[in-house]
Amino acid sequence: MSDPLAPAFTAHEIEAGRKLFASHWDFALAAGSLDSLPPPDAVEIAFAGRSNVGKSTLINALVGRRALARTSRTPGRTQELVFFRADAPLALVDMPGYGFAQAPKAKVAAWTSLIHAYLKGRRSLARVYVLVDARHGLKPVDGEVLAALDAAALSYQLVLTKSDLVAETKLRERLSETAMALSKHPAAFPALAVASGWTGAGIPELRAAIARLLSERLDQK
């Protein structure tokens, strides 16, 4: 079996990813309902995960800015679908964290409903990156989200975040057990990604993957 931590992209693809994210990225809008979503005129890449898994930190690392996406130690701060755009036909979407959140139950239910509606009916959504804390692995609430993505037949890929906080031996064990669990999910992209928003590990490869996907989607038009 190939090394799961080995690079899977050519130097040309890494450079394409760097150029894509070297653009000036800005906040576009925050949608709290389906009616407030932007026109589907860009290829959309969404980031999902449990509250405080590091979505905002990862987005900031991708775009090379410290505070484009807001980060917080308070679970549940992101309560809308937050869109970021650059001079490219691509949008990054920071989704509300699922699981524990310090917010009223009615509010959690509302944004959970929004997430499911967005995932089911957004034709411009090309892939969902589901972030999982490498220290803890998949939790039951992650399984519920993966099942929903399977049902929606949406392409998604798992990203083990905070990899800098896990020893390499333990990280390989986590990769193996996560890959085994993922094999039961038909819509999942087979390869796992590993990244750290703080050290930058895995960020060039993730940029390259998104650049490759964007190119493929634009070629289909």
N, C-alpha and C. Protein backbone atom coordinates (compact mmCIF):
# COMPACT_ATOMS: atom_id res chain seq x y z
N MET A 1 0.86 -1.20 0.00
CA MET A 1 0.00 0.00 0.00
C MET A 1 0.88 1.23 0.00
N SER A 2 0.51 2.29 -0.73
CA SER A 2 1.31 3.50 -0.81
C SER A 2 1.29 4.23 0.53
N ASP A 3 2.32 5.03 0.74
CA ASP A 3 2.43 5.80 1.98
C ASP A 3 1.35 6.86 2.02
N PRO A 4 0.44 6.84 3.01
CA PRO A 4 -0.65 7.81 3.05
C PRO A 4 -0.17 9.22 3.32
N LEU A 5 1.08 9.38 3.80
CA LEU A 5 1.60 10.71 4.06
C LEU A 5 2.47 11.23 2.92
N ALA A 6 2.62 10.45 1.86
CA ALA A 6 3.46 10.87 0.73
C ALA A 6 2.69 11.86 -0.15
N PRO A 7 3.39 12.82 -0.77
CA PRO A 7 2.73 13.77 -1.67
C PRO A 7 2.06 13.05 -2.83
N ALA A 8 0.90 13.52 -3.24
CA ALA A 8 0.16 12.88 -4.33
C ALA A 8 0.01 13.81 -5.52
N PHE A 9 0.80 14.88 -5.57
CA PHE A 9 0.65 15.87 -6.63
C PHE A 9 2.01 16.19 -7.23
N THR A 10 2.00 16.54 -8.50
CA THR A 10 3.23 16.93 -9.18
C THR A 10 3.60 18.36 -8.79
N ALA A 11 4.83 18.73 -9.10
CA ALA A 11 5.28 20.09 -8.84
C ALA A 11 4.43 21.10 -9.61
N HIS A 12 4.01 20.73 -10.82
CA HIS A 12 3.15 21.61 -11.62
C HIS A 12 1.81 21.83 -10.93
N GLU A 13 1.24 20.78 -10.36
CA GLU A 13 -0.06 20.92 -9.68
C GLU A 13 0.08 21.73 -8.39
N ILE A 14 1.17 21.54 -7.69
CA ILE A 14 1.41 22.33 -6.48
C ILE A 14 1.49 23.81 -6.83
N GLU A 15 2.18 24.12 -7.93
CA GLU A 15 2.30 25.50 -8.36
C GLU A 15 0.95 26.07 -8.80
N ALA A 16 0.15 25.26 -9.47
CA ALA A 16 -1.19 25.71 -9.88
C ALA A 16 -2.03 26.05 -8.65
N GLY A 17 -1.91 25.24 -7.60
CA GLY A 17 -2.63 25.52 -6.37
C GLY A 17 -2.14 26.79 -5.70
N ARG A 18 -0.83 26.99 -5.71
CA ARG A 18 -0.26 28.21 -5.11
C ARG A 18 -0.79 29.46 -5.83
N LYS A 19 -0.79 29.41 -7.17
CA LYS A 19 -1.25 30.56 -7.94
C LYS A 19 -2.73 30.83 -7.69
N LEU A 20 -3.52 29.78 -7.61
CA LEU A 20 -4.95 29.95 -7.38
C LEU A 20 -5.22 30.69 -6.07
N PHE A 21 -4.49 30.31 -5.03
CA PHE A 21 -4.75 30.91 -3.72
C PHE A 21 -3.89 32.13 -3.44
N ALA A 22 -3.04 32.52 -4.41
CA ALA A 22 -2.27 33.75 -4.26
C ALA A 22 -3.12 34.97 -4.59
N SER A 23 -4.31 34.75 -5.13
CA SER A 23 -5.22 35.86 -5.40
C SER A 23 -5.64 36.53 -4.09
N HIS A 24 -6.19 37.71 -4.21
CA HIS A 24 -6.65 38.42 -3.00
C HIS A 24 -8.06 37.94 -2.66
N TRP A 25 -8.17 37.23 -1.57
CA TRP A 25 -9.45 36.69 -1.14
C TRP A 25 -10.14 37.65 -0.19
N ASP A 26 -11.46 37.73 -0.33
CA ASP A 26 -12.26 38.61 0.53
C ASP A 26 -13.52 37.90 0.99
N PHE A 27 -14.05 38.38 2.10
CA PHE A 27 -15.38 37.97 2.53
C PHE A 27 -16.39 38.42 1.49
N ALA A 28 -17.29 37.52 1.08
CA ALA A 28 -18.32 37.87 0.10
C ALA A 28 -19.66 38.12 0.77
N LEU A 29 -20.14 37.13 1.50
CA LEU A 29 -21.40 37.31 2.24
C LEU A 29 -21.59 36.16 3.21
N ALA A 30 -22.52 36.36 4.14
CA ALA A 30 -22.92 35.32 5.09
C ALA A 30 -24.40 35.06 4.89
N ALA A 31 -24.73 33.80 4.58
CA ALA A 31 -26.12 33.44 4.29
C ALA A 31 -26.72 32.69 5.46
N GLY A 32 -27.80 33.24 5.99
CA GLY A 32 -28.49 32.59 7.10
C GLY A 32 -29.72 31.84 6.66
N SER A 33 -30.00 31.88 5.35
CA SER A 33 -31.17 31.18 4.81
C SER A 33 -30.90 30.86 3.36
N LEU A 34 -31.69 29.94 2.79
CA LEU A 34 -31.52 29.61 1.38
C LEU A 34 -31.78 30.81 0.48
N ASP A 35 -32.69 31.68 0.90
CA ASP A 35 -33.03 32.86 0.09
C ASP A 35 -31.88 33.84 0.00
N SER A 36 -30.97 33.81 0.95
CA SER A 36 -29.87 34.76 0.96
C SER A 36 -28.58 34.20 0.37
N LEU A 37 -28.64 32.99 -0.20
CA LEU A 37 -27.46 32.42 -0.85
C LEU A 37 -27.09 33.24 -2.09
N PRO A 38 -25.80 33.32 -2.43
CA PRO A 38 -25.41 34.06 -3.63
C PRO A 38 -25.79 33.29 -4.89
N PRO A 39 -25.79 33.94 -6.04
CA PRO A 39 -26.04 33.21 -7.30
C PRO A 39 -25.00 32.11 -7.47
N PRO A 40 -25.40 30.96 -8.00
CA PRO A 40 -24.45 29.83 -8.17
C PRO A 40 -23.56 30.03 -9.39
N ASP A 41 -22.80 31.12 -9.40
CA ASP A 41 -21.99 31.45 -10.58
C ASP A 41 -20.52 31.10 -10.40
N ALA A 42 -20.20 30.36 -9.33
CA ALA A 42 -18.82 29.94 -9.10
C ALA A 42 -18.82 28.50 -8.62
N VAL A 43 -17.71 27.84 -8.84
CA VAL A 43 -17.54 26.50 -8.27
C VAL A 43 -17.33 26.66 -6.77
N GLU A 44 -18.12 25.94 -5.98
CA GLU A 44 -18.07 26.11 -4.53
C GLU A 44 -17.42 24.90 -3.86
N ILE A 45 -16.53 25.20 -2.92
CA ILE A 45 -15.88 24.19 -2.09
C ILE A 45 -16.26 24.51 -0.65
N ALA A 46 -16.91 23.58 0.03
CA ALA A 46 -17.38 23.83 1.38
C ALA A 46 -16.54 23.07 2.40
N PHE A 47 -16.45 23.63 3.60
CA PHE A 47 -15.69 23.03 4.69
C PHE A 47 -16.64 22.78 5.85
N ALA A 48 -16.74 21.50 6.24
CA ALA A 48 -17.64 21.10 7.32
C ALA A 48 -16.84 20.41 8.41
N GLY A 49 -17.42 20.31 9.59
CA GLY A 49 -16.74 19.62 10.67
C GLY A 49 -17.36 19.97 12.01
N ARG A 50 -16.97 19.21 13.03
CA ARG A 50 -17.45 19.50 14.36
C ARG A 50 -17.01 20.90 14.80
N SER A 51 -17.75 21.47 15.72
CA SER A 51 -17.39 22.79 16.24
C SER A 51 -15.96 22.76 16.78
N ASN A 52 -15.19 23.78 16.44
CA ASN A 52 -13.80 23.95 16.89
C ASN A 52 -12.84 22.92 16.31
N VAL A 53 -13.18 22.34 15.15
CA VAL A 53 -12.27 21.38 14.52
C VAL A 53 -11.17 22.10 13.75
N GLY A 54 -11.37 23.39 13.49
CA GLY A 54 -10.34 24.17 12.81
C GLY A 54 -10.67 24.59 11.39
N LYS A 55 -11.96 24.71 11.05
CA LYS A 55 -12.33 25.09 9.69
C LYS A 55 -11.80 26.46 9.32
N SER A 56 -12.06 27.44 10.18
CA SER A 56 -11.64 28.81 9.88
C SER A 56 -10.12 28.91 9.81
N THR A 57 -9.43 28.23 10.70
CA THR A 57 -7.96 28.24 10.68
C THR A 57 -7.43 27.65 9.38
N LEU A 58 -8.06 26.58 8.91
CA LEU A 58 -7.62 25.95 7.66
C LEU A 58 -7.87 26.86 6.48
N ILE A 59 -9.02 27.51 6.43
CA ILE A 59 -9.33 28.44 5.34
C ILE A 59 -8.32 29.58 5.33
N ASN A 60 -8.00 30.13 6.49
CA ASN A 60 -7.01 31.20 6.57
C ASN A 60 -5.65 30.74 6.05
N ALA A 61 -5.28 29.50 6.36
CA ALA A 61 -4.01 28.96 5.88
C ALA A 61 -4.02 28.80 4.37
N LEU A 62 -5.14 28.35 3.81
CA LEU A 62 -5.24 28.16 2.36
C LEU A 62 -5.03 29.48 1.62
N VAL A 63 -5.67 30.53 2.10
CA VAL A 63 -5.62 31.82 1.41
C VAL A 63 -4.43 32.66 1.84
N GLY A 64 -3.67 32.19 2.84
CA GLY A 64 -2.49 32.92 3.28
C GLY A 64 -2.80 34.20 4.04
N ARG A 65 -3.94 34.22 4.74
CA ARG A 65 -4.30 35.39 5.54
C ARG A 65 -4.64 34.93 6.95
N ARG A 66 -4.29 35.73 7.92
CA ARG A 66 -4.46 35.31 9.32
C ARG A 66 -5.89 35.42 9.81
N ALA A 67 -6.65 36.33 9.25
CA ALA A 67 -7.97 36.59 9.85
C ALA A 67 -9.07 36.80 8.82
N LEU A 68 -8.96 36.14 7.65
CA LEU A 68 -10.05 36.25 6.69
C LEU A 68 -11.29 35.57 7.27
N ALA A 69 -11.14 34.32 7.66
CA ALA A 69 -12.23 33.61 8.34
C ALA A 69 -12.04 33.79 9.84
N ARG A 70 -13.10 34.10 10.53
CA ARG A 70 -13.01 34.35 11.97
C ARG A 70 -12.79 33.05 12.72
N THR A 71 -11.84 33.08 13.64
CA THR A 71 -11.60 31.91 14.49
C THR A 71 -11.99 32.26 15.91
N SER A 72 -12.40 31.25 16.66
CA SER A 72 -12.84 31.48 18.03
C SER A 72 -12.66 30.22 18.84
N ARG A 73 -12.41 30.40 20.13
CA ARG A 73 -12.36 29.26 21.04
C ARG A 73 -13.76 28.85 21.48
N THR A 74 -14.75 29.65 21.10
CA THR A 74 -16.13 29.36 21.49
C THR A 74 -16.80 28.50 20.43
N PRO A 75 -17.15 27.25 20.73
CA PRO A 75 -17.83 26.40 19.74
C PRO A 75 -19.14 27.02 19.28
N GLY A 76 -19.40 26.95 17.97
CA GLY A 76 -20.67 27.42 17.46
C GLY A 76 -20.70 28.88 17.07
N ARG A 77 -19.53 29.52 16.98
CA ARG A 77 -19.53 30.94 16.62
C ARG A 77 -20.00 31.16 15.19
N THR A 78 -19.53 30.32 14.26
CA THR A 78 -19.98 30.43 12.87
C THR A 78 -21.38 29.85 12.78
N GLN A 79 -22.37 30.72 12.52
CA GLN A 79 -23.76 30.28 12.54
C GLN A 79 -24.46 30.52 11.20
N GLU A 80 -23.68 30.82 10.17
CA GLU A 80 -24.21 31.01 8.83
C GLU A 80 -23.27 30.35 7.83
N LEU A 81 -23.70 30.25 6.59
CA LEU A 81 -22.82 29.81 5.51
C LEU A 81 -22.03 31.03 5.05
N VAL A 82 -20.73 31.04 5.32
CA VAL A 82 -19.90 32.21 5.04
C VAL A 82 -19.12 31.97 3.75
N PHE A 83 -19.29 32.85 2.78
CA PHE A 83 -18.68 32.72 1.46
C PHE A 83 -17.50 33.67 1.31
N PHE A 84 -16.41 33.15 0.73
CA PHE A 84 -15.23 33.94 0.42
C PHE A 84 -14.94 33.82 -1.07
N ARG A 85 -14.56 34.93 -1.70
CA ARG A 85 -14.31 34.94 -3.13
C ARG A 85 -12.98 35.63 -3.45
N ALA A 86 -12.44 35.31 -4.62
CA ALA A 86 -11.24 35.96 -5.14
C ALA A 86 -11.46 36.19 -6.63
N ASP A 87 -10.39 36.62 -7.33
CA ASP A 87 -10.49 36.82 -8.78
C ASP A 87 -10.34 35.49 -9.49
N ALA A 88 -11.24 34.58 -9.18
CA ALA A 88 -11.26 33.24 -9.78
C ALA A 88 -12.69 32.73 -9.67
N PRO A 89 -13.09 31.83 -10.57
CA PRO A 89 -14.45 31.29 -10.52
C PRO A 89 -14.61 30.25 -9.42
N LEU A 90 -14.21 30.62 -8.20
CA LEU A 90 -14.19 29.70 -7.08
C LEU A 90 -14.65 30.42 -5.82
N ALA A 91 -15.45 29.73 -5.02
CA ALA A 91 -15.88 30.26 -3.73
C ALA A 91 -15.59 29.23 -2.65
N LEU A 92 -15.08 29.70 -1.52
CA LEU A 92 -14.89 28.86 -0.35
C LEU A 92 -16.02 29.13 0.62
N VAL A 93 -16.57 28.07 1.20
CA VAL A 93 -17.73 28.20 2.07
C VAL A 93 -17.40 27.62 3.44
N ASP A 94 -17.42 28.48 4.45
CA ASP A 94 -17.20 28.06 5.83
C ASP A 94 -18.57 27.74 6.42
N MET A 95 -18.80 26.46 6.73
CA MET A 95 -20.11 26.03 7.21
C MET A 95 -20.16 26.05 8.74
N PRO A 96 -21.33 26.22 9.32
CA PRO A 96 -21.45 26.15 10.78
C PRO A 96 -20.98 24.80 11.30
N GLY A 97 -20.28 24.83 12.42
CA GLY A 97 -19.83 23.58 13.02
C GLY A 97 -21.00 22.78 13.55
N TYR A 98 -20.90 21.47 13.46
CA TYR A 98 -21.97 20.63 14.01
C TYR A 98 -21.49 19.99 15.31
N GLY A 99 -22.43 19.42 16.04
CA GLY A 99 -22.10 18.86 17.34
C GLY A 99 -22.30 19.91 18.42
N PHE A 100 -21.44 19.91 19.42
CA PHE A 100 -21.58 20.85 20.53
C PHE A 100 -21.48 22.28 20.06
N ALA A 101 -22.35 23.13 20.55
CA ALA A 101 -22.28 24.56 20.25
C ALA A 101 -22.95 25.33 21.37
N GLN A 102 -22.34 26.45 21.75
CA GLN A 102 -22.90 27.28 22.80
C GLN A 102 -23.90 28.25 22.16
N ALA A 103 -25.05 27.72 21.82
CA ALA A 103 -26.10 28.50 21.19
C ALA A 103 -27.44 27.87 21.56
N PRO A 104 -28.52 28.66 21.52
CA PRO A 104 -29.84 28.10 21.82
C PRO A 104 -30.18 26.94 20.89
N LYS A 105 -30.93 25.97 21.40
CA LYS A 105 -31.27 24.79 20.61
C LYS A 105 -32.01 25.15 19.33
N ALA A 106 -32.88 26.15 19.40
CA ALA A 106 -33.64 26.55 18.22
C ALA A 106 -32.70 27.07 17.13
N LYS A 107 -31.67 27.81 17.56
CA LYS A 107 -30.70 28.35 16.59
C LYS A 107 -29.89 27.22 15.97
N VAL A 108 -29.47 26.26 16.80
CA VAL A 108 -28.72 25.12 16.28
C VAL A 108 -29.56 24.34 15.28
N ALA A 109 -30.84 24.13 15.60
CA ALA A 109 -31.74 23.41 14.71
C ALA A 109 -31.90 24.15 13.39
N ALA A 110 -31.97 25.49 13.45
CA ALA A 110 -32.17 26.30 12.24
C ALA A 110 -30.96 26.18 11.32
N TRP A 111 -29.75 26.30 11.88
CA TRP A 111 -28.60 26.24 10.98
C TRP A 111 -28.28 24.82 10.55
N THR A 112 -28.70 23.83 11.33
CA THR A 112 -28.57 22.44 10.89
C THR A 112 -29.46 22.18 9.69
N SER A 113 -30.68 22.72 9.74
CA SER A 113 -31.61 22.59 8.62
C SER A 113 -31.05 23.30 7.38
N LEU A 114 -30.43 24.47 7.59
CA LEU A 114 -29.84 25.21 6.48
C LEU A 114 -28.72 24.41 5.83
N ILE A 115 -27.88 23.80 6.64
CA ILE A 115 -26.77 22.99 6.12
C ILE A 115 -27.29 21.87 5.23
N HIS A 116 -28.27 21.12 5.73
CA HIS A 116 -28.80 19.99 4.97
C HIS A 116 -29.45 20.45 3.67
N ALA A 117 -30.17 21.57 3.72
CA ALA A 117 -30.82 22.08 2.51
C ALA A 117 -29.77 22.53 1.49
N TYR A 118 -28.71 23.17 1.96
CA TYR A 118 -27.64 23.61 1.07
C TYR A 118 -26.94 22.42 0.42
N LEU A 119 -26.67 21.40 1.20
CA LEU A 119 -25.97 20.23 0.67
C LEU A 119 -26.81 19.47 -0.36
N LYS A 120 -28.12 19.47 -0.18
CA LYS A 120 -28.98 18.70 -1.07
C LYS A 120 -29.25 19.40 -2.40
N GLY A 121 -29.30 20.74 -2.39
CA GLY A 121 -29.82 21.42 -3.56
C GLY A 121 -28.91 22.41 -4.25
N ARG A 122 -27.62 22.42 -3.93
CA ARG A 122 -26.71 23.43 -4.49
C ARG A 122 -25.92 22.84 -5.65
N ARG A 123 -26.30 23.16 -6.86
CA ARG A 123 -25.67 22.54 -8.03
C ARG A 123 -24.23 23.01 -8.23
N SER A 124 -23.89 24.17 -7.70
CA SER A 124 -22.54 24.70 -7.87
C SER A 124 -21.56 24.14 -6.83
N LEU A 125 -22.05 23.36 -5.89
CA LEU A 125 -21.20 22.78 -4.86
C LEU A 125 -20.45 21.58 -5.43
N ALA A 126 -19.12 21.69 -5.55
CA ALA A 126 -18.33 20.65 -6.20
C ALA A 126 -17.82 19.62 -5.21
N ARG A 127 -17.47 20.04 -4.02
CA ARG A 127 -16.94 19.09 -3.03
C ARG A 127 -17.07 19.67 -1.63
N VAL A 128 -17.25 18.78 -0.69
CA VAL A 128 -17.24 19.15 0.73
C VAL A 128 -16.02 18.51 1.38
N TYR A 129 -15.23 19.33 2.03
CA TYR A 129 -14.13 18.81 2.84
C TYR A 129 -14.63 18.69 4.28
N VAL A 130 -14.67 17.46 4.76
CA VAL A 130 -15.12 17.21 6.13
C VAL A 130 -13.89 17.12 7.02
N LEU A 131 -13.75 18.06 7.93
CA LEU A 131 -12.58 18.13 8.78
C LEU A 131 -12.79 17.29 10.04
N VAL A 132 -11.79 16.51 10.38
CA VAL A 132 -11.82 15.65 11.56
C VAL A 132 -10.55 15.88 12.36
N ASP A 133 -10.68 16.11 13.64
CA ASP A 133 -9.54 16.34 14.52
C ASP A 133 -8.69 15.06 14.58
N ALA A 134 -7.44 15.15 14.16
CA ALA A 134 -6.57 13.97 14.12
C ALA A 134 -6.33 13.38 15.49
N ARG A 135 -6.52 14.16 16.53
CA ARG A 135 -6.30 13.65 17.88
C ARG A 135 -7.41 12.71 18.33
N HIS A 136 -8.60 12.91 17.76
CA HIS A 136 -9.77 12.18 18.25
C HIS A 136 -10.40 11.24 17.22
N GLY A 137 -10.18 11.49 15.94
CA GLY A 137 -10.76 10.64 14.91
C GLY A 137 -12.25 10.87 14.73
N LEU A 138 -12.88 9.97 13.99
CA LEU A 138 -14.31 10.08 13.70
C LEU A 138 -15.14 9.86 14.95
N LYS A 139 -16.18 10.67 15.09
CA LYS A 139 -17.14 10.54 16.17
C LYS A 139 -18.51 10.20 15.57
N PRO A 140 -19.45 9.70 16.39
CA PRO A 140 -20.78 9.36 15.85
C PRO A 140 -21.43 10.50 15.08
N VAL A 141 -21.26 11.74 15.55
CA VAL A 141 -21.90 12.86 14.85
C VAL A 141 -21.29 13.05 13.47
N ASP A 142 -20.00 12.72 13.30
CA ASP A 142 -19.40 12.76 11.96
C ASP A 142 -20.06 11.74 11.05
N GLY A 143 -20.33 10.55 11.60
CA GLY A 143 -20.97 9.51 10.82
C GLY A 143 -22.32 9.94 10.28
N GLU A 144 -23.06 10.71 11.08
CA GLU A 144 -24.37 11.20 10.63
C GLU A 144 -24.21 12.14 9.44
N VAL A 145 -23.20 12.98 9.48
CA VAL A 145 -22.96 13.92 8.39
C VAL A 145 -22.50 13.18 7.13
N LEU A 146 -21.63 12.19 7.29
CA LEU A 146 -21.18 11.42 6.14
C LEU A 146 -22.34 10.68 5.49
N ALA A 147 -23.25 10.16 6.31
CA ALA A 147 -24.44 9.48 5.78
C ALA A 147 -25.30 10.45 4.99
N ALA A 148 -25.43 11.68 5.48
CA ALA A 148 -26.22 12.68 4.77
C ALA A 148 -25.56 13.04 3.43
N LEU A 149 -24.23 13.12 3.41
CA LEU A 149 -23.52 13.41 2.16
C LEU A 149 -23.66 12.25 1.18
N ASP A 150 -23.62 11.02 1.69
CA ASP A 150 -23.84 9.86 0.83
C ASP A 150 -25.22 9.92 0.19
N ALA A 151 -26.23 10.24 1.02
CA ALA A 151 -27.60 10.29 0.53
C ALA A 151 -27.78 11.37 -0.53
N ALA A 152 -27.03 12.47 -0.38
CA ALA A 152 -27.11 13.56 -1.35
C ALA A 152 -26.23 13.31 -2.57
N ALA A 153 -25.45 12.21 -2.54
CA ALA A 153 -24.54 11.85 -3.63
C ALA A 153 -23.56 12.98 -3.93
N LEU A 154 -23.07 13.60 -2.86
CA LEU A 154 -22.13 14.70 -2.99
C LEU A 154 -20.71 14.19 -2.79
N SER A 155 -19.81 14.65 -3.63
CA SER A 155 -18.41 14.28 -3.47
C SER A 155 -17.85 14.94 -2.21
N TYR A 156 -17.19 14.16 -1.39
CA TYR A 156 -16.57 14.74 -0.20
C TYR A 156 -15.28 14.02 0.14
N GLN A 157 -14.42 14.72 0.86
CA GLN A 157 -13.13 14.17 1.26
C GLN A 157 -12.88 14.53 2.71
N LEU A 158 -12.30 13.60 3.45
CA LEU A 158 -11.96 13.85 4.84
C LEU A 158 -10.57 14.45 4.95
N VAL A 159 -10.45 15.42 5.84
CA VAL A 159 -9.18 16.06 6.14
C VAL A 159 -8.91 15.92 7.63
N LEU A 160 -7.83 15.26 7.98
CA LEU A 160 -7.43 15.17 9.39
C LEU A 160 -6.68 16.45 9.73
N THR A 161 -7.26 17.26 10.61
CA THR A 161 -6.67 18.54 10.98
C THR A 161 -5.87 18.41 12.27
N LYS A 162 -5.14 19.49 12.58
CA LYS A 162 -4.33 19.56 13.81
C LYS A 162 -3.33 18.42 13.86
N SER A 163 -2.81 18.06 12.68
CA SER A 163 -1.88 16.95 12.59
C SER A 163 -0.57 17.23 13.34
N ASP A 164 -0.26 18.52 13.56
CA ASP A 164 0.96 18.87 14.28
C ASP A 164 0.90 18.48 15.76
N LEU A 165 -0.30 18.16 16.24
CA LEU A 165 -0.47 17.81 17.64
C LEU A 165 -0.47 16.30 17.88
N VAL A 166 -0.18 15.54 16.80
CA VAL A 166 -0.21 14.07 16.89
C VAL A 166 1.13 13.52 16.42
N ALA A 167 1.68 12.59 17.17
CA ALA A 167 2.93 11.93 16.77
C ALA A 167 2.70 11.17 15.46
N GLU A 168 3.75 11.04 14.63
CA GLU A 168 3.59 10.42 13.32
C GLU A 168 3.06 8.99 13.41
N THR A 169 3.55 8.22 14.39
CA THR A 169 3.07 6.84 14.54
C THR A 169 1.58 6.82 14.81
N LYS A 170 1.14 7.68 15.72
CA LYS A 170 -0.29 7.75 16.04
C LYS A 170 -1.09 8.27 14.85
N LEU A 171 -0.51 9.19 14.10
CA LEU A 171 -1.21 9.74 12.95
C LEU A 171 -1.44 8.66 11.89
N ARG A 172 -0.44 7.82 11.67
CA ARG A 172 -0.61 6.72 10.72
C ARG A 172 -1.70 5.76 11.18
N GLU A 173 -1.77 5.49 12.47
CA GLU A 173 -2.83 4.63 13.00
C GLU A 173 -4.20 5.27 12.78
N ARG A 174 -4.26 6.58 13.00
CA ARG A 174 -5.52 7.29 12.81
C ARG A 174 -5.94 7.26 11.34
N LEU A 175 -4.97 7.42 10.44
CA LEU A 175 -5.26 7.36 9.02
C LEU A 175 -5.82 6.00 8.63
N SER A 176 -5.21 4.96 9.15
CA SER A 176 -5.64 3.60 8.81
C SER A 176 -7.06 3.33 9.29
N GLU A 177 -7.36 3.69 10.53
CA GLU A 177 -8.70 3.41 11.06
C GLU A 177 -9.75 4.30 10.40
N THR A 178 -9.36 5.52 10.03
CA THR A 178 -10.31 6.42 9.37
C THR A 178 -10.60 5.92 7.95
N ALA A 179 -9.57 5.46 7.24
CA ALA A 179 -9.76 4.93 5.89
C ALA A 179 -10.66 3.71 5.91
N MET A 180 -10.52 2.88 6.93
CA MET A 180 -11.36 1.68 7.04
C MET A 180 -12.82 2.06 7.24
N ALA A 181 -13.06 3.05 8.11
CA ALA A 181 -14.43 3.51 8.34
C ALA A 181 -15.00 4.17 7.09
N LEU A 182 -14.15 4.87 6.35
CA LEU A 182 -14.60 5.61 5.18
C LEU A 182 -14.97 4.68 4.03
N SER A 183 -14.42 3.48 4.01
CA SER A 183 -14.68 2.54 2.93
C SER A 183 -16.16 2.15 2.86
N LYS A 184 -16.90 2.40 3.91
CA LYS A 184 -18.32 2.08 3.94
C LYS A 184 -19.19 3.20 3.38
N HIS A 185 -18.56 4.29 2.98
CA HIS A 185 -19.32 5.46 2.50
C HIS A 185 -19.07 5.65 1.01
N PRO A 186 -20.06 5.40 0.17
CA PRO A 186 -19.88 5.38 -1.29
C PRO A 186 -19.52 6.72 -1.92
N ALA A 187 -19.93 7.83 -1.33
CA ALA A 187 -19.67 9.13 -1.96
C ALA A 187 -18.33 9.72 -1.54
N ALA A 188 -17.64 9.05 -0.62
CA ALA A 188 -16.39 9.60 -0.09
C ALA A 188 -15.26 9.47 -1.09
N PHE A 189 -14.45 10.52 -1.21
CA PHE A 189 -13.23 10.46 -2.00
C PHE A 189 -12.29 9.51 -1.27
N PRO A 190 -11.69 8.54 -1.96
CA PRO A 190 -10.96 7.48 -1.26
C PRO A 190 -9.72 7.94 -0.50
N ALA A 191 -9.02 8.96 -1.02
CA ALA A 191 -7.79 9.40 -0.36
C ALA A 191 -8.10 10.35 0.79
N LEU A 192 -7.35 10.22 1.87
CA LEU A 192 -7.48 11.12 3.00
C LEU A 192 -6.45 12.23 2.89
N ALA A 193 -6.81 13.41 3.36
CA ALA A 193 -5.87 14.52 3.41
C ALA A 193 -5.47 14.77 4.86
N VAL A 194 -4.26 15.23 5.06
CA VAL A 194 -3.75 15.54 6.39
C VAL A 194 -3.20 16.96 6.36
N ALA A 195 -3.60 17.78 7.33
CA ALA A 195 -3.17 19.17 7.29
C ALA A 195 -3.08 19.77 8.69
N SER A 196 -2.33 20.85 8.76
CA SER A 196 -2.28 21.67 9.97
C SER A 196 -2.36 23.12 9.54
N GLY A 197 -3.39 23.80 9.98
CA GLY A 197 -3.52 25.22 9.66
C GLY A 197 -2.47 26.07 10.34
N TRP A 198 -1.89 25.57 11.41
CA TRP A 198 -0.89 26.35 12.15
C TRP A 198 0.50 26.21 11.56
N THR A 199 0.92 25.01 11.20
CA THR A 199 2.27 24.81 10.67
C THR A 199 2.31 24.89 9.15
N GLY A 200 1.16 24.76 8.50
CA GLY A 200 1.11 24.78 7.04
C GLY A 200 1.31 23.41 6.41
N ALA A 201 1.51 22.38 7.22
CA ALA A 201 1.68 21.03 6.68
C ALA A 201 0.42 20.61 5.93
N GLY A 202 0.60 20.09 4.72
CA GLY A 202 -0.52 19.62 3.91
C GLY A 202 -1.28 20.70 3.17
N ILE A 203 -0.99 21.97 3.43
CA ILE A 203 -1.72 23.06 2.78
C ILE A 203 -1.41 23.14 1.27
N PRO A 204 -0.16 23.04 0.84
CA PRO A 204 0.11 23.05 -0.62
C PRO A 204 -0.64 21.95 -1.35
N GLU A 205 -0.71 20.75 -0.76
CA GLU A 205 -1.41 19.63 -1.40
C GLU A 205 -2.91 19.88 -1.46
N LEU A 206 -3.47 20.47 -0.42
CA LEU A 206 -4.90 20.77 -0.42
C LEU A 206 -5.22 21.84 -1.46
N ARG A 207 -4.37 22.84 -1.57
CA ARG A 207 -4.55 23.85 -2.62
C ARG A 207 -4.52 23.19 -4.00
N ALA A 208 -3.56 22.28 -4.20
CA ALA A 208 -3.43 21.60 -5.48
C ALA A 208 -4.67 20.78 -5.79
N ALA A 209 -5.22 20.11 -4.78
CA ALA A 209 -6.43 19.30 -4.98
C ALA A 209 -7.60 20.17 -5.41
N ILE A 210 -7.73 21.34 -4.79
CA ILE A 210 -8.84 22.24 -5.13
C ILE A 210 -8.63 22.82 -6.53
N ALA A 211 -7.39 23.15 -6.86
CA ALA A 211 -7.10 23.67 -8.21
C ALA A 211 -7.42 22.62 -9.27
N ARG A 212 -7.07 21.38 -8.99
CA ARG A 212 -7.37 20.29 -9.93
C ARG A 212 -8.87 20.13 -10.10
N LEU A 213 -9.61 20.15 -9.01
CA LEU A 213 -11.07 20.01 -9.07
C LEU A 213 -11.69 21.16 -9.83
N LEU A 214 -11.22 22.38 -9.57
CA LEU A 214 -11.74 23.55 -10.28
C LEU A 214 -11.52 23.41 -11.78
N SER A 215 -10.33 22.97 -12.18
CA SER A 215 -10.02 22.80 -13.59
C SER A 215 -10.93 21.76 -14.22
N GLU A 216 -11.17 20.67 -13.51
CA GLU A 216 -12.04 19.61 -14.03
C GLU A 216 -13.47 20.12 -14.20
N ARG A 217 -13.96 20.88 -13.24
CA ARG A 217 -15.33 21.38 -13.33
C ARG A 217 -15.48 22.40 -14.45
N LEU A 218 -14.49 23.25 -14.62
CA LEU A 218 -14.57 24.24 -15.70
C LEU A 218 -14.47 23.58 -17.06
N ASP A 219 -13.72 22.49 -17.17
CA ASP A 219 -13.62 21.77 -18.44
C ASP A 219 -14.94 21.11 -18.83
N GLN A 220 -15.78 20.84 -17.83
CA GLN A 220 -17.08 20.19 -18.09
C GLN A 220 -18.11 21.17 -18.62
N LYS A 221 -17.84 22.46 -18.46
CA LYS A 221 -18.83 23.45 -18.89
C LYS A 221 -18.75 23.73 -20.40
